[in-house]
């Protein structure tokens, strides 16, 4: 990408303070930026870098008024971080995209490949697969029989999508993801565990992103569902018959046990664990390493195991810190 602050202002609706024609060729962290880079200030603790950064331009808030001298051109916008994300998406869209079918790859007879799609080398496309416009399937991906993939979805190298699963439009599925593997279903029988066939599917709705090496199990029957706009980080386990609503975010190493129902707009920190067969409402926040053993309503902020209100969690930590002192005092009283 090569652009000027004048061009960026036209794209973002921002206003300029400084040289509107300086040449910008890339993005960088404010403390590491060089001439030609665009950076940003969204957190007050980084504001002092305005005096030392070598970036040619900075995205800043409309109310940002630094003291002293600085050399960077300022582009004032309502939300610098959101604007940076917008510009980075724009820059990505300018990059050339792969198209066509690389060889060797296997495409089952009768599968229609849209003209602008991409099938990478060593990819496998099973029988009855339906591919949308502009789909990108990178090398060594496996797409099982009857899978449906919507328009503009990207399937990265090494993804495995088992038979019958549905992927929506504009999804991004990163390397190592397995969608539709068998759920963990076994029934005790005379001292042994017999497998329960997992006959359902996985449905990934539109605009979902799934991070590397995450697994989403197929349902025992029916479907496991990841709702529209939800984002899953790397190394997450979603068990069979889980239903996740719209616009949730889950950080790495979270585990969701079977038949959990999660609503919309939840934010889940890393290494959280959800017990099976519970219901979680909407717009909750779960701190990292929280354990959720029972159902939760709406708009809670929870931490710890078992998860409690974050204010109670903070109090509990103080109590735990003082246990040794309290023990010593009780021991003296006994004496």
Protein backbone atom coordinates (compact mmCIF):
# COMPACT_ATOMS: atom_id res chain seq x y z
CA UNK A 1 0.00 0.00 0.00
CA UNK A 2 1.18 3.52 -0.81
CA UNK A 3 -1.00 6.46 0.22
CA UNK A 4 -0.83 9.95 1.74
CA UNK A 5 -2.52 11.39 4.85
CA UNK A 6 -4.78 13.29 2.46
CA UNK A 7 -5.89 9.99 0.94
CA UNK A 8 -6.35 8.41 4.37
CA UNK A 9 -8.47 11.33 5.51
CA UNK A 10 -10.68 10.86 2.46
CA UNK A 11 -11.09 7.15 3.33
CA UNK A 12 -11.75 7.66 7.04
CA UNK A 13 -13.34 11.08 7.33
CA UNK A 14 -10.42 12.28 9.44
CA UNK A 15 -8.81 15.71 9.68
CA UNK A 16 -5.12 16.42 9.16
CA UNK A 17 -2.58 18.34 11.22
CA UNK A 18 0.76 18.50 9.39
CA UNK A 19 2.02 17.44 5.98
CA UNK A 20 -0.94 15.99 4.08
CA UNK A 21 1.24 14.73 1.21
CA UNK A 22 3.85 12.67 3.06
CA UNK A 23 4.29 9.20 1.52
CA UNK A 24 3.01 6.28 3.63
CA UNK A 25 3.94 2.70 2.71
CA UNK A 26 3.19 0.52 5.75
CA UNK A 27 2.06 0.08 9.36
CA UNK A 28 4.19 -0.18 12.51
CA UNK A 29 4.10 0.00 16.30
CA UNK A 30 4.67 3.57 17.41
CA UNK A 31 7.90 2.77 19.28
CA UNK A 32 9.36 0.84 16.31
CA UNK A 33 8.08 2.91 13.39
CA UNK A 34 10.33 4.36 10.70
CA UNK A 35 9.93 6.98 8.01
CA UNK A 36 7.04 6.05 5.74
CA UNK A 37 5.15 4.16 8.45
CA UNK A 38 1.66 4.88 9.78
CA UNK A 39 1.05 4.21 13.48
CA UNK A 40 -1.60 5.17 16.03
CA UNK A 41 -2.25 6.31 19.60
CA UNK A 42 -5.35 4.87 21.27
CA UNK A 43 -4.05 4.37 24.83
CA UNK A 44 -2.99 7.41 26.92
CA UNK A 45 0.12 5.64 28.21
CA UNK A 46 1.54 5.73 24.67
CA UNK A 47 0.97 9.44 24.15
CA UNK A 48 4.54 10.39 25.06
CA UNK A 49 5.77 8.56 21.95
CA UNK A 50 4.40 11.40 19.82
CA UNK A 51 7.61 13.29 20.61
CA UNK A 52 10.03 10.47 19.76
CA UNK A 53 8.40 8.30 17.12
CA UNK A 54 9.88 8.25 13.64
CA UNK A 55 6.51 7.39 12.07
CA UNK A 56 5.51 9.73 9.27
CA UNK A 57 1.87 9.85 10.38
CA UNK A 58 -0.22 8.92 13.41
CA UNK A 59 -3.89 8.14 13.81
CA UNK A 60 -5.07 9.93 16.97
CA UNK A 61 -8.35 10.81 18.63
CA UNK A 62 -10.15 14.04 17.86
CA UNK A 63 -9.36 15.33 21.37
CA UNK A 64 -5.62 14.52 21.27
CA UNK A 65 -3.62 17.70 21.98
CA UNK A 66 0.06 16.98 22.66
CA UNK A 67 2.39 19.52 24.27
CA UNK A 68 5.80 20.27 22.81
CA UNK A 69 7.32 19.53 19.43
CA UNK A 70 6.64 16.52 17.22
CA UNK A 71 7.30 15.74 13.58
CA UNK A 72 4.60 13.23 12.59
CA UNK A 73 1.50 14.26 10.71
CA UNK A 74 -1.60 13.71 12.85
CA UNK A 75 -4.77 12.26 11.36
CA UNK A 76 -7.60 12.91 13.82
CA UNK A 77 -10.46 10.40 13.88
CA UNK A 78 -13.21 9.39 16.29
CA UNK A 79 -11.66 5.98 17.11
CA UNK A 80 -7.98 5.48 16.15
CA UNK A 81 -7.95 1.73 16.84
CA UNK A 82 -11.09 0.99 14.82
CA UNK A 83 -9.82 3.22 12.01
CA UNK A 84 -6.47 1.41 11.96
CA UNK A 85 -8.31 -1.91 11.62
CA UNK A 86 -10.35 -0.46 8.75
CA UNK A 87 -7.21 0.70 6.96
CA UNK A 88 -5.41 -2.61 7.48
CA UNK A 89 -8.38 -4.46 5.98
CA UNK A 90 -8.26 -2.06 3.05
CA UNK A 91 -4.53 -2.71 2.56
CA UNK A 92 -5.12 -6.48 2.68
CA UNK A 93 -7.84 -6.17 0.03
CA UNK A 94 -5.30 -4.65 -2.36
CA UNK A 95 -3.03 -7.69 -2.25
CA UNK A 96 -3.31 -10.10 -5.20
CA UNK A 97 -5.45 -13.14 -4.41
CA UNK A 98 -4.75 -16.69 -5.66
CA UNK A 99 -7.16 -18.13 -8.21
CA UNK A 100 -7.44 -21.36 -10.16
CA UNK A 101 -6.77 -25.01 -9.43
CA UNK A 102 -3.28 -26.15 -8.54
CA UNK A 103 -2.07 -29.65 -9.26
CA UNK A 104 -1.93 -32.20 -7.85
CA UNK A 105 -5.32 -31.83 -6.15
CA UNK A 106 -8.41 -34.05 -6.08
CA UNK A 107 -11.85 -32.74 -6.97
CA UNK A 108 -14.72 -35.22 -7.09
CA UNK A 109 -16.69 -35.52 -10.29
CA UNK A 110 -19.62 -33.13 -10.52
CA UNK A 111 -18.30 -30.52 -8.07
CA UNK A 112 -18.65 -27.04 -9.57
CA UNK A 113 -15.62 -24.81 -9.02
CA UNK A 114 -16.48 -21.10 -9.50
CA UNK A 115 -14.21 -19.26 -11.95
CA UNK A 116 -12.70 -17.02 -9.26
CA UNK A 117 -12.17 -19.77 -6.67
CA UNK A 118 -8.79 -21.15 -5.58
CA UNK A 119 -7.99 -24.80 -4.86
CA UNK A 120 -4.44 -25.32 -3.59
CA UNK A 121 -2.14 -28.25 -4.28
CA UNK A 122 -2.96 -31.53 -2.49
CA UNK A 123 -6.42 -30.30 -1.46
CA UNK A 124 -9.23 -32.88 -1.45
CA UNK A 125 -12.79 -31.95 -2.42
CA UNK A 126 -15.33 -34.71 -1.78
CA UNK A 127 -18.54 -35.72 -3.51
CA UNK A 128 -21.44 -33.31 -3.55
CA UNK A 129 -19.46 -30.38 -2.17
CA UNK A 130 -20.95 -26.92 -2.83
CA UNK A 131 -18.52 -24.01 -3.11
CA UNK A 132 -19.55 -20.35 -3.15
CA UNK A 133 -18.07 -17.51 -5.17
CA UNK A 134 -14.48 -16.48 -4.46
CA UNK A 135 -13.84 -19.37 -2.05
CA UNK A 136 -10.14 -19.95 -1.27
CA UNK A 137 -9.11 -23.47 -0.23
CA UNK A 138 -5.40 -23.64 0.52
CA UNK A 139 -3.07 -26.63 0.08
CA UNK A 140 -3.63 -29.90 1.96
CA UNK A 141 -7.13 -28.97 3.08
CA UNK A 142 -9.73 -31.75 3.27
CA UNK A 143 -13.35 -30.97 2.40
CA UNK A 144 -15.54 -34.03 2.99
CA UNK A 145 -18.58 -35.22 1.08
CA UNK A 146 -21.58 -32.93 1.07
CA UNK A 147 -19.85 -29.97 2.70
CA UNK A 148 -21.26 -26.51 1.88
CA UNK A 149 -18.93 -23.48 1.89
CA UNK A 150 -20.33 -19.97 1.34
CA UNK A 151 -19.07 -17.05 -0.72
CA UNK A 152 -15.72 -15.39 0.08
CA UNK A 153 -14.76 -17.92 2.74
CA UNK A 154 -11.09 -18.77 3.26
CA UNK A 155 -10.03 -22.30 4.25
CA UNK A 156 -6.35 -22.23 5.21
CA UNK A 157 -3.79 -24.97 4.67
CA UNK A 158 -4.38 -28.23 6.50
CA UNK A 159 -7.97 -27.59 7.60
CA UNK A 160 -10.15 -30.72 7.86
CA UNK A 161 -13.91 -30.37 7.34
CA UNK A 162 -15.79 -33.63 7.85
CA UNK A 163 -18.74 -34.71 5.75
CA UNK A 164 -22.01 -32.80 5.77
CA UNK A 165 -20.85 -29.68 7.60
CA UNK A 166 -21.91 -26.18 6.55
CA UNK A 167 -19.62 -23.13 6.50
CA UNK A 168 -21.17 -19.70 5.89
CA UNK A 169 -20.06 -16.66 3.93
CA UNK A 170 -16.93 -14.59 4.63
CA UNK A 171 -15.58 -17.04 7.20
CA UNK A 172 -11.87 -17.57 7.87
CA UNK A 173 -10.82 -21.03 9.05
CA UNK A 174 -7.16 -21.18 10.05
CA UNK A 175 -4.65 -24.00 9.68
CA UNK A 176 -5.11 -27.15 11.74
CA UNK A 177 -8.79 -26.58 12.48
CA UNK A 178 -10.96 -29.71 12.52
CA UNK A 179 -14.67 -29.16 11.96
CA UNK A 180 -17.05 -32.06 12.38
CA UNK A 181 -14.91 -34.60 14.21
CA UNK A 182 -16.86 -37.02 16.40
CA UNK A 183 -18.12 -35.75 19.71
CA UNK A 184 -16.93 -37.52 22.87
CA UNK A 185 -19.85 -39.90 23.22
CA UNK A 186 -19.53 -43.31 24.89
CA UNK A 187 -21.98 -45.46 26.84
CA UNK A 188 -20.91 -47.87 29.64
CA UNK A 189 -21.71 -51.49 28.79
CA UNK A 190 -20.57 -54.39 31.01
CA UNK A 191 -17.48 -52.58 32.21
CA UNK A 192 -16.54 -51.25 28.80
CA UNK A 193 -17.34 -48.05 26.95
CA UNK A 194 -19.15 -48.45 23.65
CA UNK A 195 -19.07 -45.68 21.07
CA UNK A 196 -22.26 -43.68 20.45
CA UNK A 197 -22.37 -42.83 16.74
CA UNK A 198 -22.19 -39.09 16.12
CA UNK A 199 -24.65 -38.56 13.30
CA UNK A 200 -25.16 -34.80 13.33
CA UNK A 201 -23.26 -31.96 11.65
CA UNK A 202 -21.57 -28.63 12.39
CA UNK A 203 -23.03 -25.36 11.12
CA UNK A 204 -20.72 -22.33 11.02
CA UNK A 205 -22.72 -19.19 10.24
CA UNK A 206 -21.55 -16.11 8.30
CA UNK A 207 -18.53 -13.96 9.29
CA UNK A 208 -17.08 -16.45 11.79
CA UNK A 209 -13.31 -16.72 12.28
CA UNK A 210 -11.78 -19.84 13.84
CA UNK A 211 -8.16 -19.83 15.01
CA UNK A 212 -5.47 -22.41 14.37
CA UNK A 213 -5.86 -25.92 15.85
CA UNK A 214 -9.33 -25.29 17.24
CA UNK A 215 -11.79 -28.21 17.09
CA UNK A 216 -15.56 -28.09 16.68
CA UNK A 217 -17.24 -31.48 17.15
CA UNK A 218 -20.26 -32.66 15.19
CA UNK A 219 -23.49 -33.21 17.09
CA UNK A 220 -24.62 -36.62 18.29
CA UNK A 221 -27.73 -35.78 16.31
CA UNK A 222 -28.89 -32.37 15.09
CA UNK A 223 -26.14 -29.78 14.85
CA UNK A 224 -23.36 -27.99 16.69
CA UNK A 225 -23.72 -24.28 15.83
CA UNK A 226 -21.31 -21.35 15.83
CA UNK A 227 -23.36 -18.17 15.38
CA UNK A 228 -22.85 -15.29 12.99
CA UNK A 229 -19.90 -13.00 13.71
CA UNK A 230 -18.43 -15.12 16.52
CA UNK A 231 -14.63 -15.32 16.76
CA UNK A 232 -12.78 -18.31 18.22
CA UNK A 233 -9.08 -18.02 19.08
CA UNK A 234 -6.47 -20.76 18.62
CA UNK A 235 -6.61 -24.05 20.57
CA UNK A 236 -10.27 -24.03 21.59
CA UNK A 237 -12.47 -27.12 22.05
CA UNK A 238 -16.17 -26.90 21.20
CA UNK A 239 -17.92 -30.17 22.06
CA UNK A 240 -20.91 -31.88 20.47
CA UNK A 241 -24.32 -30.21 20.37
CA UNK A 242 -22.98 -26.87 21.62
CA UNK A 243 -24.87 -23.82 20.41
CA UNK A 244 -23.03 -20.49 20.39
CA UNK A 245 -24.90 -17.33 19.43
CA UNK A 246 -23.86 -14.23 17.54
CA UNK A 247 -20.85 -11.94 17.99
CA UNK A 248 -19.11 -13.75 20.82
CA UNK A 249 -15.32 -13.74 21.31
CA UNK A 250 -13.43 -16.63 22.93
CA UNK A 251 -9.73 -16.44 23.83
CA UNK A 252 -7.30 -19.34 23.52
CA UNK A 253 -7.55 -22.68 25.34
CA UNK A 254 -11.18 -22.30 26.32
CA UNK A 255 -13.10 -25.57 26.58
CA UNK A 256 -16.85 -25.88 26.12
CA UNK A 257 -18.40 -29.19 27.15
CA UNK A 258 -21.29 -30.88 25.39
CA UNK A 259 -24.79 -29.41 24.96
CA UNK A 260 -23.90 -25.97 26.31
CA UNK A 261 -26.06 -23.10 25.01
CA UNK A 262 -24.33 -19.70 24.87
CA UNK A 263 -26.14 -16.51 23.86
CA UNK A 264 -24.93 -13.40 22.05
CA UNK A 265 -22.18 -10.87 22.70
CA UNK A 266 -20.21 -12.72 25.38
CA UNK A 267 -16.49 -12.09 25.97
CA UNK A 268 -14.54 -15.09 27.27
CA UNK A 269 -10.95 -14.91 28.50
CA UNK A 270 -8.30 -17.56 27.95
CA UNK A 271 -8.44 -21.02 29.56
CA UNK A 272 -12.07 -20.74 30.65
CA UNK A 273 -14.03 -23.94 31.12
CA UNK A 274 -17.78 -24.43 30.68
CA UNK A 275 -19.42 -27.48 32.27
CA UNK A 276 -21.81 -29.51 30.13
CA UNK A 277 -25.55 -28.93 29.71
CA UNK A 278 -25.60 -25.36 31.06
CA UNK A 279 -27.03 -22.17 29.58
CA UNK A 280 -25.12 -18.90 29.35
CA UNK A 281 -27.02 -15.72 28.55
CA UNK A 282 -25.99 -12.59 26.67
CA UNK A 283 -23.27 -9.95 27.06
CA UNK A 284 -21.37 -11.59 29.90
CA UNK A 285 -17.63 -11.17 30.55
CA UNK A 286 -15.57 -14.07 31.88
CA UNK A 287 -12.05 -13.46 33.21
CA UNK A 288 -9.20 -15.75 32.19
CA UNK A 289 -9.17 -19.22 33.79
CA UNK A 290 -12.75 -18.92 35.00
CA UNK A 291 -14.66 -22.14 35.61
CA UNK A 292 -18.38 -21.99 34.88
CA UNK A 293 -20.10 -25.00 36.51
CA UNK A 294 -23.72 -23.78 36.31
CA UNK A 295 -26.00 -21.63 34.18
CA UNK A 296 -25.46 -17.87 33.98
CA UNK A 297 -27.88 -15.06 33.10
CA UNK A 298 -27.17 -11.81 31.23
CA UNK A 299 -24.61 -9.02 31.65
CA UNK A 300 -22.47 -10.51 34.40
CA UNK A 301 -18.72 -9.99 34.97
CA UNK A 302 -17.37 -13.20 36.45
CA UNK A 303 -13.96 -14.53 37.47
CA UNK A 304 -12.43 -17.49 39.29
CA UNK A 305 -13.46 -21.08 39.93
CA UNK A 306 -16.25 -21.45 40.52
CA UNK A 307 -16.86 -18.18 38.71
CA UNK A 308 -18.23 -15.38 40.90
CA UNK A 309 -18.81 -11.67 40.44
CA UNK A 310 -15.48 -9.97 39.78
CA UNK A 311 -15.83 -7.77 42.88
CA UNK A 312 -16.38 -10.81 45.09
CA UNK A 313 -13.43 -12.49 43.38
CA UNK A 314 -11.18 -9.53 44.30
CA UNK A 315 -12.34 -9.72 47.93
CA UNK A 316 -11.73 -13.46 48.02
CA UNK A 317 -8.16 -12.96 46.83
CA UNK A 318 -7.53 -10.56 49.70
CA UNK A 319 -8.98 -13.07 52.17
CA UNK A 320 -6.78 -15.85 50.79
CA UNK A 321 -3.71 -13.63 51.00
CA UNK A 322 -4.40 -13.02 54.70
CA UNK A 323 -5.13 -16.65 55.66
CA UNK A 324 -1.61 -17.32 56.96
CA UNK A 325 -1.75 -14.26 59.20
CA UNK A 326 -5.20 -15.21 60.45
CA UNK A 327 -4.01 -18.76 61.18
CA UNK A 328 -1.10 -17.44 63.25
CA UNK A 329 -3.43 -15.18 65.24
CA UNK A 330 -5.85 -18.04 65.98
CA UNK A 331 -2.93 -20.25 67.05
CA UNK A 332 -1.74 -17.60 69.50
CA UNK A 333 -5.24 -17.16 70.89
CA UNK A 334 -5.48 -20.91 71.49
CA UNK A 335 -2.20 -20.89 73.36
